């Protein structure tokens, strides 16, 4: 799995795979470091990135929503 746009990535540390996921929860922080847990978050991030709008489409959506208010 590579970083699709070459940007800093919270789970991959800018291209290198991260060794910890930090979760803020109501009872305090939780740190995940097992490879299976990390892989689950990498898969989730890939799914989110695959459906997220790019910068231009995001900006257009926001402008259209504001215009329609």
Protein backbone atom coordinates (compact mmCIF):
# COMPACT_ATOMS: atom_id res chain seq x y z
CA UNK A 1 0.00 0.00 0.00
CA UNK A 2 1.51 3.32 -0.99
CA UNK A 3 0.56 6.84 -0.10
CA UNK A 4 -1.60 7.81 -3.08
CA UNK A 5 -0.71 11.49 -3.27
CA UNK A 6 2.72 11.55 -1.62
CA UNK A 7 1.40 13.55 1.33
CA UNK A 8 2.01 13.05 5.04
CA UNK A 9 -0.29 10.29 6.16
CA UNK A 10 -1.36 9.76 9.79
CA UNK A 11 -1.22 5.99 9.48
CA UNK A 12 1.80 5.76 7.23
CA UNK A 13 3.95 8.64 8.50
CA UNK A 14 4.43 10.28 5.12
CA UNK A 15 5.12 7.05 3.26
CA UNK A 16 6.61 4.84 5.97
CA UNK A 17 4.14 2.57 7.69
CA UNK A 18 3.19 3.78 11.14
CA UNK A 19 3.72 1.49 14.09
CA UNK A 20 1.02 3.00 16.34
CA UNK A 21 -2.53 4.31 15.99
CA UNK A 22 -3.63 6.80 18.65
CA UNK A 23 -7.36 6.93 19.41
CA UNK A 24 -8.92 9.60 21.62
CA UNK A 25 -11.86 8.08 23.46
CA UNK A 26 -14.19 9.26 26.23
CA UNK A 27 -12.24 7.25 28.81
CA UNK A 28 -8.86 8.52 27.60
CA UNK A 29 -6.35 7.73 24.87
CA UNK A 30 -5.85 4.25 23.46
CA UNK A 31 -2.81 3.17 21.49
CA UNK A 32 -3.00 0.32 19.00
CA UNK A 33 0.22 -1.28 17.84
CA UNK A 34 -0.61 -4.84 16.80
CA UNK A 35 -0.02 -5.37 13.08
CA UNK A 36 -3.57 -6.73 12.56
CA UNK A 37 -5.04 -3.60 14.16
CA UNK A 38 -2.79 -1.30 12.13
CA UNK A 39 -3.70 -3.09 8.91
CA UNK A 40 -7.40 -2.64 9.69
CA UNK A 41 -6.88 1.13 9.96
CA UNK A 42 -4.81 1.19 6.76
CA UNK A 43 -7.65 -0.58 4.93
CA UNK A 44 -10.20 1.86 6.38
CA UNK A 45 -8.08 4.84 5.35
CA UNK A 46 -7.74 3.44 1.82
CA UNK A 47 -11.53 3.05 1.60
CA UNK A 48 -12.12 6.59 2.81
CA UNK A 49 -9.54 7.98 0.38
CA UNK A 50 -11.15 6.08 -2.50
CA UNK A 51 -14.54 7.76 -1.98
CA UNK A 52 -13.42 11.20 -0.78
CA UNK A 53 -13.86 14.16 -3.10
CA UNK A 54 -10.73 15.78 -4.45
CA UNK A 55 -9.94 19.39 -3.52
CA UNK A 56 -11.74 20.93 -6.49
CA UNK A 57 -14.90 18.85 -6.07
CA UNK A 58 -14.90 19.49 -2.29
CA UNK A 59 -14.62 23.23 -2.86
CA UNK A 60 -17.40 23.14 -5.47
CA UNK A 61 -19.67 21.21 -3.11
CA UNK A 62 -19.11 23.70 -0.29
CA UNK A 63 -19.70 26.68 -2.59
CA UNK A 64 -22.91 25.12 -3.90
CA UNK A 65 -24.16 24.40 -0.38
CA UNK A 66 -23.47 27.98 0.69
CA UNK A 67 -25.12 29.36 -2.43
CA UNK A 68 -28.24 27.26 -1.79
CA UNK A 69 -28.70 28.49 1.80
